[in-house]
Amino acid sequence: MGINIAAVILLAILLLVATFSIGCLPFYYININSTYSNTQNGFLKVFSQFGVGMLLGTAFMLVIPEGIKACTEEGGNVGFDLLAGFIGVYLFDRLGHSIMSNTNAFLIQNPEESNELPTSSAFRSNLNYSIKEILTKPRVVVARVLKNNVILAFVIHGISDGVALGTTSNNQRLLIVVFIAITIHKIPAVLSLSALMLTKQGLPMTECMTNLFAFSLSTPVGYILLSLLNLRQSATMDYISSNLLLMSGGSLLYASFTAFSEDDHFIEQTSDPSTFVNDEYNAASNDTEAISVDVLEQNSKTSYFLKYDESLYILVGAFIPTLISFMVKDD
């Protein structure tokens, strides 16, 4: 027996609130400190490497295996779906760059907001500002998602998760199992997203929150839409959702490779602010570039060397979704 529309909406809201709340944990940690200290900067570097490991582990150990299983059961082409997801996000990335080159104004924030470092009272004000921006400037939020290939990959992945969850809406027992599995592998993914936005991309806190909200909203939206369409069992819907799930694995794999390739570039930026060149924001205005340089200059003044090699933190991060994958299999 399927669930009613009220239950669908309540489950979607629960997923939205849980995802956004977990993703805000790194932001809250930063804002409870009044100064941007060496210790805090060191934590961010460690958490950044840890987040990359979680991102890779989530892609390889959770999303792609689940997608391959679902795809093969429906007679799909594994290689094609992975390639389509990977190339699709890449093309969306290039399209976003092309579109935003003529719409730079959408990315410009209030300089006071962008250049403001975290303070003990900033978390609530940043959250309120982000909510206001989401409600009053949705075009700005959408433009940022299109511009940022990592966020775009996460949003596509989130929508495909919602699609997979929505196809089980007529089977309560299966719905619970899939919901738990999606929630489990969403935790490391959303934490890694927050860390990557904050440390590697150096985005303002308010922009991080709006991007996080976009990702948090993607799965509930996909779930609601597919639940409304999937009023009864449909072989066509099963086939589509299984292929989309594996395509999302390819898109997340693209995000993982992008995070790895940007790692050394980010380190160079923080060590030498005068050479700041961020490919994702080449089309931004001079004011926005100046703000980014100022932030990196302040980061460089609080340089902090990792106690251990960065590979250790990446391995530890990758171990968590690996462990979760065995737990899910046992279920």
C-alpha atoms as a PDB file:
ATOM      1  CA  MET A   1       0.000   0.000   0.000  1.00  0.00           C
ATOM      2  CA  GLY A   2       1.309   3.423  -0.866  1.00  0.00           C
ATOM      3  CA  ILE A   3       1.550   6.415   1.428  1.00  0.00           C
ATOM      4  CA  ASN A   4      -0.635   9.511   1.115  1.00  0.00           C
ATOM      5  CA  ILE A   5       0.495  12.932  -0.042  1.00  0.00           C
ATOM      6  CA  ALA A   6       0.667  14.286   3.523  1.00  0.00           C
ATOM      7  CA  ALA A   7       3.161  11.589   4.502  1.00  0.00           C
ATOM      8  CA  VAL A   8       5.198  12.315   1.366  1.00  0.00           C
ATOM      9  CA  ILE A   9       5.429  16.013   2.227  1.00  0.00           C
ATOM     10  CA  LEU A  10       6.291  15.338   5.879  1.00  0.00           C
ATOM     11  CA  LEU A  11       9.061  12.925   4.886  1.00  0.00           C
ATOM     12  CA  ALA A  12      10.397  15.459   2.382  1.00  0.00           C
ATOM     13  CA  ILE A  13      10.466  18.205   5.029  1.00  0.00           C
ATOM     14  CA  LEU A  14      12.222  15.877   7.466  1.00  0.00           C
ATOM     15  CA  LEU A  15      14.877  15.081   4.876  1.00  0.00           C
ATOM     16  CA  LEU A  16      15.331  18.774   4.027  1.00  0.00           C
ATOM     17  CA  VAL A  17      15.728  19.862   7.650  1.00  0.00           C
ATOM     18  CA  ALA A  18      18.042  16.969   8.544  1.00  0.00           C
ATOM     19  CA  THR A  19      20.319  17.493   5.538  1.00  0.00           C
ATOM     20  CA  PHE A  20      20.558  21.252   6.013  1.00  0.00           C
ATOM     21  CA  SER A  21      21.146  20.954   9.773  1.00  0.00           C
ATOM     22  CA  ILE A  22      23.961  18.427   9.362  1.00  0.00           C
ATOM     23  CA  GLY A  23      25.543  20.531   6.647  1.00  0.00           C
ATOM     24  CA  CYS A  24      25.507  23.585   8.925  1.00  0.00           C
ATOM     25  CA  LEU A  25      27.639  21.885  11.590  1.00  0.00           C
ATOM     26  CA  PRO A  26      30.977  22.987  10.050  1.00  0.00           C
ATOM     27  CA  PHE A  27      29.613  26.536   9.682  1.00  0.00           C
ATOM     28  CA  TYR A  28      28.509  26.597  13.313  1.00  0.00           C
ATOM     29  CA  TYR A  29      31.881  25.372  14.527  1.00  0.00           C
ATOM     30  CA  ILE A  30      33.610  28.254  12.776  1.00  0.00           C
ATOM     31  CA  ASN A  31      31.204  30.873  14.067  1.00  0.00           C
ATOM     32  CA  ILE A  32      31.482  29.936  17.749  1.00  0.00           C
ATOM     33  CA  ASN A  33      35.043  31.293  17.683  1.00  0.00           C
ATOM     34  CA  SER A  34      35.493  35.049  17.701  1.00  0.00           C
ATOM     35  CA  THR A  35      38.793  35.069  15.800  1.00  0.00           C
ATOM     36  CA  TYR A  36      40.113  33.286  12.778  1.00  0.00           C
ATOM     37  CA  SER A  37      42.999  31.660  14.664  1.00  0.00           C
ATOM     38  CA  ASN A  38      45.789  29.336  13.585  1.00  0.00           C
ATOM     39  CA  THR A  39      44.065  26.477  15.381  1.00  0.00           C
ATOM     40  CA  GLN A  40      40.809  27.127  13.531  1.00  0.00           C
ATOM     41  CA  ASN A  41      42.628  27.429  10.214  1.00  0.00           C
ATOM     42  CA  GLY A  42      44.323  24.107  10.936  1.00  0.00           C
ATOM     43  CA  PHE A  43      40.971  22.506  11.675  1.00  0.00           C
ATOM     44  CA  LEU A  44      39.627  23.720   8.344  1.00  0.00           C
ATOM     45  CA  LYS A  45      42.577  22.239   6.465  1.00  0.00           C
ATOM     46  CA  VAL A  46      42.176  18.911   8.235  1.00  0.00           C
ATOM     47  CA  PHE A  47      38.416  18.915   7.687  1.00  0.00           C
ATOM     48  CA  SER A  48      38.933  19.804   4.038  1.00  0.00           C
ATOM     49  CA  GLN A  49      41.131  16.760   3.395  1.00  0.00           C
ATOM     50  CA  PHE A  50      38.760  14.650   5.468  1.00  0.00           C
ATOM     51  CA  GLY A  51      35.857  15.900   3.336  1.00  0.00           C
ATOM     52  CA  VAL A  52      37.600  14.957   0.094  1.00  0.00           C
ATOM     53  CA  GLY A  53      38.051  11.434   1.423  1.00  0.00           C
ATOM     54  CA  MET A  54      34.388  11.205   2.401  1.00  0.00           C
ATOM     55  CA  LEU A  55      33.376  12.474  -1.022  1.00  0.00           C
ATOM     56  CA  LEU A  56      35.457   9.833  -2.796  1.00  0.00           C
ATOM     57  CA  GLY A  57      34.304   7.082  -0.471  1.00  0.00           C
ATOM     58  CA  THR A  58      30.664   8.045  -0.937  1.00  0.00           C
ATOM     59  CA  ALA A  59      30.993   7.991  -4.723  1.00  0.00           C
ATOM     60  CA  PHE A  60      32.901   4.707  -5.001  1.00  0.00           C
ATOM     61  CA  MET A  61      31.455   2.707  -2.100  1.00  0.00           C
ATOM     62  CA  LEU A  62      27.829   3.830  -1.890  1.00  0.00           C
ATOM     63  CA  VAL A  63      26.372   5.623  -4.890  1.00  0.00           C
ATOM     64  CA  ILE A  64      28.066   3.847  -7.811  1.00  0.00           C
ATOM     65  CA  PRO A  65      27.639   0.269  -6.452  1.00  0.00           C
ATOM     66  CA  GLU A  66      23.958   0.911  -5.688  1.00  0.00           C
ATOM     67  CA  GLY A  67      23.515   2.415  -9.139  1.00  0.00           C
ATOM     68  CA  ILE A  68      25.251  -0.506 -10.878  1.00  0.00           C
ATOM     69  CA  LYS A  69      23.065  -3.021  -9.073  1.00  0.00           C
ATOM     70  CA  ALA A  70      19.872  -1.169  -9.955  1.00  0.00           C
ATOM     71  CA  CYS A  71      21.009  -0.573 -13.537  1.00  0.00           C
ATOM     72  CA  THR A  72      21.918  -4.206 -14.241  1.00  0.00           C
ATOM     73  CA  GLU A  73      18.655  -5.431 -12.732  1.00  0.00           C
ATOM     74  CA  GLU A  74      16.786  -3.264 -15.228  1.00  0.00           C
ATOM     75  CA  GLY A  75      19.018  -4.222 -18.167  1.00  0.00           C
ATOM     76  CA  GLY A  76      20.703  -0.833 -18.469  1.00  0.00           C
ATOM     77  CA  ASN A  77      24.207  -0.018 -19.702  1.00  0.00           C
ATOM     78  CA  VAL A  78      26.532   0.640 -16.752  1.00  0.00           C
ATOM     79  CA  GLY A  79      29.307   2.295 -18.729  1.00  0.00           C
ATOM     80  CA  PHE A  80      26.932   4.540 -20.658  1.00  0.00           C
ATOM     81  CA  ASP A  81      25.158   5.740 -17.508  1.00  0.00           C
ATOM     82  CA  LEU A  82      28.424   6.543 -15.720  1.00  0.00           C
ATOM     83  CA  LEU A  83      29.795   8.337 -18.763  1.00  0.00           C
ATOM     84  CA  ALA A  84      26.538  10.219 -19.292  1.00  0.00           C
ATOM     85  CA  GLY A  85      26.541  11.410 -15.682  1.00  0.00           C
ATOM     86  CA  PHE A  86      30.197  12.447 -15.843  1.00  0.00           C
ATOM     87  CA  ILE A  87      30.015  14.175 -19.243  1.00  0.00           C
ATOM     88  CA  GLY A  88      26.602  15.638 -18.485  1.00  0.00           C
ATOM     89  CA  VAL A  89      27.838  17.535 -15.436  1.00  0.00           C
ATOM     90  CA  TYR A  90      30.931  18.632 -17.338  1.00  0.00           C
ATOM     91  CA  LEU A  91      28.760  20.065 -20.124  1.00  0.00           C
ATOM     92  CA  PHE A  92      26.485  21.733 -17.577  1.00  0.00           C
ATOM     93  CA  ASP A  93      29.622  23.153 -15.981  1.00  0.00           C
ATOM     94  CA  ARG A  94      30.788  24.653 -19.273  1.00  0.00           C
ATOM     95  CA  LEU A  95      27.277  25.886 -20.039  1.00  0.00           C
ATOM     96  CA  GLY A  96      27.114  27.544 -16.631  1.00  0.00           C
ATOM     97  CA  HIS A  97      30.409  29.322 -17.282  1.00  0.00           C
ATOM     98  CA  SER A  98      29.117  30.529 -20.636  1.00  0.00           C
ATOM     99  CA  ILE A  99      25.819  31.769 -19.227  1.00  0.00           C
ATOM    100  CA  MET A 100      27.365  33.471 -16.212  1.00  0.00           C
ATOM    101  CA  SER A 101      29.956  35.300 -18.311  1.00  0.00           C
ATOM    102  CA  ASN A 102      27.084  37.549 -19.394  1.00  0.00           C
ATOM    103  CA  THR A 103      25.342  37.691 -16.020  1.00  0.00           C
ATOM    104  CA  ASN A 104      28.112  38.660 -13.626  1.00  0.00           C
ATOM    105  CA  ALA A 105      25.822  40.865 -11.588  1.00  0.00           C
ATOM    106  CA  PHE A 106      23.936  37.844 -10.267  1.00  0.00           C
ATOM    107  CA  LEU A 107      27.033  36.677  -8.396  1.00  0.00           C
ATOM    108  CA  ILE A 108      27.926  39.972  -6.744  1.00  0.00           C
ATOM    109  CA  GLN A 109      27.124  40.128  -3.049  1.00  0.00           C
ATOM    110  CA  ASN A 110      27.211  42.970  -0.615  1.00  0.00           C
ATOM    111  CA  PRO A 111      30.962  43.538  -0.064  1.00  0.00           C
ATOM    112  CA  GLU A 112      30.424  43.847   3.666  1.00  0.00           C
ATOM    113  CA  GLU A 113      28.792  40.444   3.716  1.00  0.00           C
ATOM    114  CA  SER A 114      31.406  38.767   1.518  1.00  0.00           C
ATOM    115  CA  ASN A 115      34.462  40.135   3.285  1.00  0.00           C
ATOM    116  CA  GLU A 116      33.239  39.566   6.799  1.00  0.00           C
ATOM    117  CA  LEU A 117      35.096  36.908   8.755  1.00  0.00           C
ATOM    118  CA  PRO A 118      33.222  34.579  11.129  1.00  0.00           C
ATOM    119  CA  THR A 119      32.367  35.945  14.578  1.00  0.00           C
ATOM    120  CA  SER A 120      30.640  34.491  17.610  1.00  0.00           C
ATOM    121  CA  SER A 121      27.339  36.212  16.703  1.00  0.00           C
ATOM    122  CA  ALA A 122      27.501  35.778  12.927  1.00  0.00           C
ATOM    123  CA  PHE A 123      25.935  32.341  12.507  1.00  0.00           C
ATOM    124  CA  ARG A 124      22.352  33.409  13.135  1.00  0.00           C
ATOM    125  CA  SER A 125      22.662  36.610  11.098  1.00  0.00           C
ATOM    126  CA  ASN A 126      24.240  34.698   8.194  1.00  0.00           C
ATOM    127  CA  LEU A 127      21.449  32.133   8.369  1.00  0.00           C
ATOM    128  CA  ASN A 128      18.757  34.819   8.408  1.00  0.00           C
ATOM    129  CA  TYR A 129      20.388  36.640   5.498  1.00  0.00           C
ATOM    130  CA  SER A 130      20.620  33.393   3.526  1.00  0.00           C
ATOM    131  CA  ILE A 131      16.937  32.600   4.087  1.00  0.00           C
ATOM    132  CA  LYS A 132      15.994  36.115   3.010  1.00  0.00           C
ATOM    133  CA  GLU A 133      18.129  35.790  -0.113  1.00  0.00           C
ATOM    134  CA  ILE A 134      16.567  32.428  -1.000  1.00  0.00           C
ATOM    135  CA  LEU A 135      13.072  33.911  -0.737  1.00  0.00           C
ATOM    136  CA  THR A 136      13.754  37.252  -2.442  1.00  0.00           C
ATOM    137  CA  LYS A 137      16.551  36.423  -4.903  1.00  0.00           C
ATOM    138  CA  PRO A 138      16.020  32.859  -6.152  1.00  0.00           C
ATOM    139  CA  ARG A 139      17.608  33.817  -9.473  1.00  0.00           C
ATOM    140  CA  VAL A 140      20.880  34.556  -7.685  1.00  0.00           C
ATOM    141  CA  VAL A 141      20.832  31.171  -5.945  1.00  0.00           C
ATOM    142  CA  VAL A 142      20.128  29.322  -9.199  1.00  0.00           C
ATOM    143  CA  ALA A 143      22.906  31.249 -10.948  1.00  0.00           C
ATOM    144  CA  ARG A 144      25.413  30.202  -8.287  1.00  0.00           C
ATOM    145  CA  VAL A 145      24.432  26.561  -8.598  1.00  0.00           C
ATOM    146  CA  LEU A 146      24.921  26.683 -12.369  1.00  0.00           C
ATOM    147  CA  LYS A 147      28.256  28.431 -11.931  1.00  0.00           C
ATOM    148  CA  ASN A 148      29.706  26.009  -9.379  1.00  0.00           C
ATOM    149  CA  ASN A 149      30.354  22.587 -10.922  1.00  0.00           C
ATOM    150  CA  VAL A 150      30.695  20.899  -7.523  1.00  0.00           C
ATOM    151  CA  ILE A 151      27.351  22.221  -6.293  1.00  0.00           C
ATOM    152  CA  LEU A 152      25.713  21.336  -9.604  1.00  0.00           C
ATOM    153  CA  ALA A 153      26.973  17.754  -9.353  1.00  0.00           C
ATOM    154  CA  PHE A 154      25.661  17.469  -5.800  1.00  0.00           C
ATOM    155  CA  VAL A 155      22.259  18.875  -6.781  1.00  0.00           C
ATOM    156  CA  ILE A 156      21.944  16.424  -9.682  1.00  0.00           C
ATOM    157  CA  HIS A 157      22.959  13.624  -7.349  1.00  0.00           C
ATOM    158  CA  GLY A 158      20.390  14.784  -4.805  1.00  0.00           C
ATOM    159  CA  ILE A 159      17.604  14.872  -7.392  1.00  0.00           C
ATOM    160  CA  SER A 160      18.428  11.340  -8.516  1.00  0.00           C
ATOM    161  CA  ASP A 161      18.301  10.204  -4.881  1.00  0.00           C
ATOM    162  CA  GLY A 162      14.850  11.742  -4.633  1.00  0.00           C
ATOM    163  CA  VAL A 163      13.820   9.982  -7.838  1.00  0.00           C
ATOM    164  CA  ALA A 164      15.003   6.644  -6.450  1.00  0.00           C
ATOM    165  CA  LEU A 165      13.159   7.291  -3.198  1.00  0.00           C
ATOM    166  CA  GLY A 166      10.004   8.391  -5.000  1.00  0.00           C
ATOM    167  CA  THR A 167       9.789   5.170  -6.996  1.00  0.00           C
ATOM    168  CA  THR A 168       9.306   3.269  -3.712  1.00  0.00           C
ATOM    169  CA  SER A 169       6.426   5.432  -2.492  1.00  0.00           C
ATOM    170  CA  ASN A 170       3.916   2.647  -3.175  1.00  0.00           C
ATOM    171  CA  ASN A 171       5.829   0.173  -0.989  1.00  0.00           C
ATOM    172  CA  GLN A 172       6.186   1.372   2.595  1.00  0.00           C
ATOM    173  CA  ARG A 173       8.650  -1.314   3.687  1.00  0.00           C
ATOM    174  CA  LEU A 174      10.951  -0.711   0.738  1.00  0.00           C
ATOM    175  CA  LEU A 175      10.548   3.043   1.201  1.00  0.00           C
ATOM    176  CA  ILE A 176      11.900   2.849   4.756  1.00  0.00           C
ATOM    177  CA  VAL A 177      14.938   0.800   3.714  1.00  0.00           C
ATOM    178  CA  VAL A 178      15.776   3.104   0.804  1.00  0.00           C
ATOM    179  CA  PHE A 179      15.212   6.199   2.954  1.00  0.00           C
ATOM    180  CA  ILE A 180      17.642   4.943   5.599  1.00  0.00           C
ATOM    181  CA  ALA A 181      20.259   4.044   2.986  1.00  0.00           C
ATOM    182  CA  ILE A 182      19.977   7.429   1.262  1.00  0.00           C
ATOM    183  CA  THR A 183      20.120   9.282   4.581  1.00  0.00           C
ATOM    184  CA  ILE A 184      23.212   7.363   5.694  1.00  0.00           C
ATOM    185  CA  HIS A 185      25.237   8.067   2.578  1.00  0.00           C
ATOM    186  CA  LYS A 186      23.956  11.673   2.523  1.00  0.00           C
ATOM    187  CA  ILE A 187      25.672  12.492   5.835  1.00  0.00           C
ATOM    188  CA  PRO A 188      29.293  12.248   4.620  1.00  0.00           C
ATOM    189  CA  ALA A 189      28.290  13.810   1.310  1.00  0.00           C
ATOM    190  CA  VAL A 190      26.769  16.930   2.864  1.00  0.00           C
ATOM    191  CA  LEU A 191      29.646  17.309   5.349  1.00  0.00           C
ATOM    192  CA  SER A 192      32.164  17.070   2.543  1.00  0.00           C
ATOM    193  CA  LEU A 193      30.176  19.625   0.540  1.00  0.00           C
ATOM    194  CA  SER A 194      30.250  22.120   3.410  1.00  0.00           C
ATOM    195  CA  ALA A 195      33.971  21.607   3.923  1.00  0.00           C
ATOM    196  CA  LEU A 196      34.775  21.972   0.227  1.00  0.00           C
ATOM    197  CA  MET A 197      32.764  25.182  -0.149  1.00  0.00           C
ATOM    198  CA  LEU A 198      34.241  26.736   2.966  1.00  0.00           C
ATOM    199  CA  THR A 199      37.886  25.738   2.669  1.00  0.00           C
ATOM    200  CA  LYS A 200      38.740  24.913  -0.928  1.00  0.00           C
ATOM    201  CA  GLN A 201      36.427  27.294  -2.761  1.00  0.00           C
ATOM    202  CA  GLY A 202      36.640  30.011  -0.107  1.00  0.00           C
ATOM    203  CA  LEU A 203      32.996  31.036  -0.543  1.00  0.00           C
ATOM    204  CA  PRO A 204      31.332  33.580   1.768  1.00  0.00           C
ATOM    205  CA  MET A 205      29.326  32.045   4.605  1.00  0.00           C
ATOM    206  CA  THR A 206      25.982  33.241   3.245  1.00  0.00           C
ATOM    207  CA  GLU A 207      26.728  31.792  -0.191  1.00  0.00           C
ATOM    208  CA  CYS A 208      27.739  28.493   1.410  1.00  0.00           C
ATOM    209  CA  MET A 209      24.394  28.356   3.190  1.00  0.00           C
ATOM    210  CA  THR A 210      22.330  29.111   0.084  1.00  0.00           C
ATOM    211  CA  ASN A 211      24.251  26.472  -1.873  1.00  0.00           C
ATOM    212  CA  LEU A 212      23.735  24.030   0.979  1.00  0.00           C
ATOM    213  CA  PHE A 213      20.011  24.760   0.945  1.00  0.00           C
ATOM    214  CA  ALA A 214      19.881  24.118  -2.808  1.00  0.00           C
ATOM    215  CA  PHE A 215      21.497  20.718  -2.285  1.00  0.00           C
ATOM    216  CA  SER A 216      19.280  19.937   0.716  1.00  0.00           C
ATOM    217  CA  LEU A 217      16.185  20.800  -1.318  1.00  0.00           C
ATOM    218  CA  SER A 218      17.138  18.699  -4.341  1.00  0.00           C
ATOM    219  CA  THR A 219      16.311  15.279  -2.881  1.00  0.00           C
ATOM    220  CA  PRO A 220      12.935  16.296  -1.366  1.00  0.00           C
ATOM    221  CA  VAL A 221      11.917  17.900  -4.683  1.00  0.00           C
ATOM    222  CA  GLY A 222      12.835  14.775  -6.651  1.00  0.00           C
ATOM    223  CA  TYR A 223      11.063  12.613  -4.092  1.00  0.00           C
ATOM    224  CA  ILE A 224       7.828  14.632  -4.159  1.00  0.00           C
ATOM    225  CA  LEU A 225       7.676  14.824  -7.955  1.00  0.00           C
ATOM    226  CA  LEU A 226       8.259  11.101  -8.444  1.00  0.00           C
ATOM    227  CA  SER A 227       5.857  10.180  -5.639  1.00  0.00           C
ATOM    228  CA  LEU A 228       3.120  12.156  -7.371  1.00  0.00           C
ATOM    229  CA  LEU A 229       3.849  10.455 -10.692  1.00  0.00           C
ATOM    230  CA  ASN A 230       4.400   6.971  -9.299  1.00  0.00           C
ATOM    231  CA  LEU A 231       0.791   6.289  -8.278  1.00  0.00           C
ATOM    232  CA  ARG A 232       1.156   2.617  -9.141  1.00  0.00           C
ATOM    233  CA  GLN A 233       3.965   0.200  -9.995  1.00  0.00           C
ATOM    234  CA  SER A 234       5.514   1.054 -13.350  1.00  0.00           C
ATOM    235  CA  ALA A 235       8.314  -0.804 -15.095  1.00  0.00           C
ATOM    236  CA  THR A 236       9.147   2.370 -16.986  1.00  0.00           C
ATOM    237  CA  MET A 237       9.607   4.354 -13.767  1.00  0.00           C
ATOM    238  CA  ASP A 238      11.827   1.626 -12.300  1.00  0.00           C
ATOM    239  CA  TYR A 239      14.011   1.664 -15.408  1.00  0.00           C
ATOM    240  CA  ILE A 240      14.327   5.456 -15.415  1.00  0.00           C
ATOM    241  CA  SER A 241      15.145   5.738 -11.702  1.00  0.00           C
ATOM    242  CA  SER A 242      17.784   2.986 -11.838  1.00  0.00           C
ATOM    243  CA  ASN A 243      19.586   4.692 -14.709  1.00  0.00           C
ATOM    244  CA  LEU A 244      19.362   8.125 -13.079  1.00  0.00           C
ATOM    245  CA  LEU A 245      20.869   6.748  -9.877  1.00  0.00           C
ATOM    246  CA  LEU A 246      23.939   5.468 -11.717  1.00  0.00           C
ATOM    247  CA  MET A 247      24.194   8.699 -13.707  1.00  0.00           C
ATOM    248  CA  SER A 248      24.282  10.546 -10.403  1.00  0.00           C
ATOM    249  CA  GLY A 249      27.238   8.346  -9.458  1.00  0.00           C
ATOM    250  CA  GLY A 250      29.045   9.565 -12.560  1.00  0.00           C
ATOM    251  CA  SER A 251      28.245  13.175 -11.711  1.00  0.00           C
ATOM    252  CA  LEU A 252      29.501  12.727  -8.151  1.00  0.00           C
ATOM    253  CA  LEU A 253      32.646  11.098  -9.516  1.00  0.00           C
ATOM    254  CA  TYR A 254      33.218  14.238 -11.591  1.00  0.00           C
ATOM    255  CA  ALA A 255      32.844  16.317  -8.428  1.00  0.00           C
ATOM    256  CA  SER A 256      35.386  14.083  -6.662  1.00  0.00           C
ATOM    257  CA  PHE A 257      37.967  14.466  -9.420  1.00  0.00           C
ATOM    258  CA  THR A 258      37.363  18.213  -9.466  1.00  0.00           C
ATOM    259  CA  ALA A 259      37.936  18.442  -5.719  1.00  0.00           C
ATOM    260  CA  PHE A 260      41.218  16.552  -6.058  1.00  0.00           C
ATOM    261  CA  SER A 261      42.447  18.644  -8.972  1.00  0.00           C
ATOM    262  CA  GLU A 262      41.638  21.889  -7.166  1.00  0.00           C
ATOM    263  CA  ASP A 263      43.484  20.895  -3.986  1.00  0.00           C
ATOM    264  CA  ASP A 264      46.995  22.007  -4.989  1.00  0.00           C
ATOM    265  CA  HIS A 265      45.600  25.108  -6.675  1.00  0.00           C
ATOM    266  CA  PHE A 266      43.866  26.090  -3.458  1.00  0.00           C
ATOM    267  CA  ILE A 267      47.071  25.687  -1.466  1.00  0.00           C
ATOM    268  CA  GLU A 268      48.895  27.935  -3.918  1.00  0.00           C
ATOM    269  CA  GLN A 269      46.185  30.555  -3.543  1.00  0.00           C
ATOM    270  CA  THR A 270      46.428  30.649   0.236  1.00  0.00           C
ATOM    271  CA  SER A 271      50.233  30.800   0.203  1.00  0.00           C
ATOM    272  CA  ASP A 272      50.435  33.571  -2.410  1.00  0.00           C
ATOM    273  CA  PRO A 273      47.341  35.779  -2.602  1.00  0.00           C
ATOM    274  CA  SER A 274      48.822  37.847  -5.431  1.00  0.00           C
ATOM    275  CA  THR A 275      48.509  34.845  -7.755  1.00  0.00           C
ATOM    276  CA  PHE A 276      44.841  34.276  -6.951  1.00  0.00           C
ATOM    277  CA  VAL A 277      43.178  32.821 -10.031  1.00  0.00           C
ATOM    278  CA  ASN A 278      39.954  30.893  -9.476  1.00  0.00           C
ATOM    279  CA  ASP A 279      38.694  29.342 -12.697  1.00  0.00           C
ATOM    280  CA  GLU A 280      35.155  29.149 -11.359  1.00  0.00           C
ATOM    281  CA  TYR A 281      35.014  32.900 -10.783  1.00  0.00           C
ATOM    282  CA  ASN A 282      36.990  34.353 -13.694  1.00  0.00           C
ATOM    283  CA  ALA A 283      33.802  36.010 -14.897  1.00  0.00           C
ATOM    284  CA  ALA A 284      33.155  37.778 -11.579  1.00  0.00           C
ATOM    285  CA  SER A 285      33.485  41.511 -11.192  1.00  0.00           C
ATOM    286  CA  ASN A 286      36.665  43.286 -10.031  1.00  0.00           C
ATOM    287  CA  ASP A 287      35.016  44.024  -6.688  1.00  0.00           C
ATOM    288  CA  THR A 288      34.267  40.364  -6.096  1.00  0.00           C
ATOM    289  CA  GLU A 289      37.825  39.389  -7.041  1.00  0.00           C
ATOM    290  CA  ALA A 290      39.205  41.978  -4.632  1.00  0.00           C
ATOM    291  CA  ILE A 291      37.051  40.584  -1.854  1.00  0.00           C
ATOM    292  CA  SER A 292      38.321  37.056  -2.534  1.00  0.00           C
ATOM    293  CA  VAL A 293      41.926  38.268  -2.470  1.00  0.00           C
ATOM    294  CA  ASP A 294      41.347  40.006   0.853  1.00  0.00           C
ATOM    295  CA  VAL A 295      39.968  36.825   2.379  1.00  0.00           C
ATOM    296  CA  LEU A 296      42.913  34.781   1.095  1.00  0.00           C
ATOM    297  CA  GLU A 297      45.353  37.374   2.419  1.00  0.00           C
ATOM    298  CA  GLN A 298      43.871  36.989   5.881  1.00  0.00           C
ATOM    299  CA  ASN A 299      44.070  33.210   5.531  1.00  0.00           C
ATOM    300  CA  SER A 300      47.725  33.407   4.537  1.00  0.00           C
ATOM    301  CA  LYS A 301      48.529  35.375   7.673  1.00  0.00           C
ATOM    302  CA  THR A 302      47.328  32.441   9.731  1.00  0.00           C
ATOM    303  CA  SER A 303      49.198  29.716   7.900  1.00  0.00           C
ATOM    304  CA  TYR A 304      49.052  26.326   9.557  1.00  0.00           C
ATOM    305  CA  PHE A 305      50.881  23.169   8.577  1.00  0.00           C
ATOM    306  CA  LEU A 306      49.162  19.818   8.932  1.00  0.00           C
ATOM    307  CA  LYS A 307      50.614  17.648  11.668  1.00  0.00           C
ATOM    308  CA  TYR A 308      50.419  14.569   9.431  1.00  0.00           C
ATOM    309  CA  ASP A 309      50.490  14.094   5.684  1.00  0.00           C
ATOM    310  CA  GLU A 310      47.205  15.044   4.013  1.00  0.00           C
ATOM    311  CA  SER A 311      46.789  11.520   2.644  1.00  0.00           C
ATOM    312  CA  LEU A 312      46.108  10.295   6.187  1.00  0.00           C
ATOM    313  CA  TYR A 313      43.067  12.549   6.551  1.00  0.00           C
ATOM    314  CA  ILE A 314      41.816  11.582   3.089  1.00  0.00           C
ATOM    315  CA  LEU A 315      42.120   7.884   3.953  1.00  0.00           C
ATOM    316  CA  VAL A 316      40.286   8.351   7.245  1.00  0.00           C
ATOM    317  CA  GLY A 317      37.523  10.240   5.446  1.00  0.00           C
ATOM    318  CA  ALA A 318      37.204   7.530   2.805  1.00  0.00           C
ATOM    319  CA  PHE A 319      37.048   4.838   5.505  1.00  0.00           C
ATOM    320  CA  ILE A 320      33.743   6.124   6.932  1.00  0.00           C
ATOM    321  CA  PRO A 321      31.542   5.613   3.830  1.00  0.00           C
ATOM    322  CA  THR A 322      33.429   2.363   3.214  1.00  0.00           C
ATOM    323  CA  LEU A 323      32.337   1.125   6.634  1.00  0.00           C
ATOM    324  CA  ILE A 324      28.806   2.385   6.019  1.00  0.00           C
ATOM    325  CA  SER A 325      28.675   0.495   2.719  1.00  0.00           C
ATOM    326  CA  PHE A 326      29.202  -2.821   4.517  1.00  0.00           C
ATOM    327  CA  MET A 327      26.517  -1.897   7.055  1.00  0.00           C
ATOM    328  CA  VAL A 328      24.056  -1.130   4.256  1.00  0.00           C
ATOM    329  CA  LYS A 329      24.879  -4.437   2.549  1.00  0.00           C
ATOM    330  CA  ASP A 330      24.212  -6.258   5.780  1.00  0.00           C
ATOM    331  CA  ASP A 331      20.771  -4.673   5.840  1.00  0.00           C
END
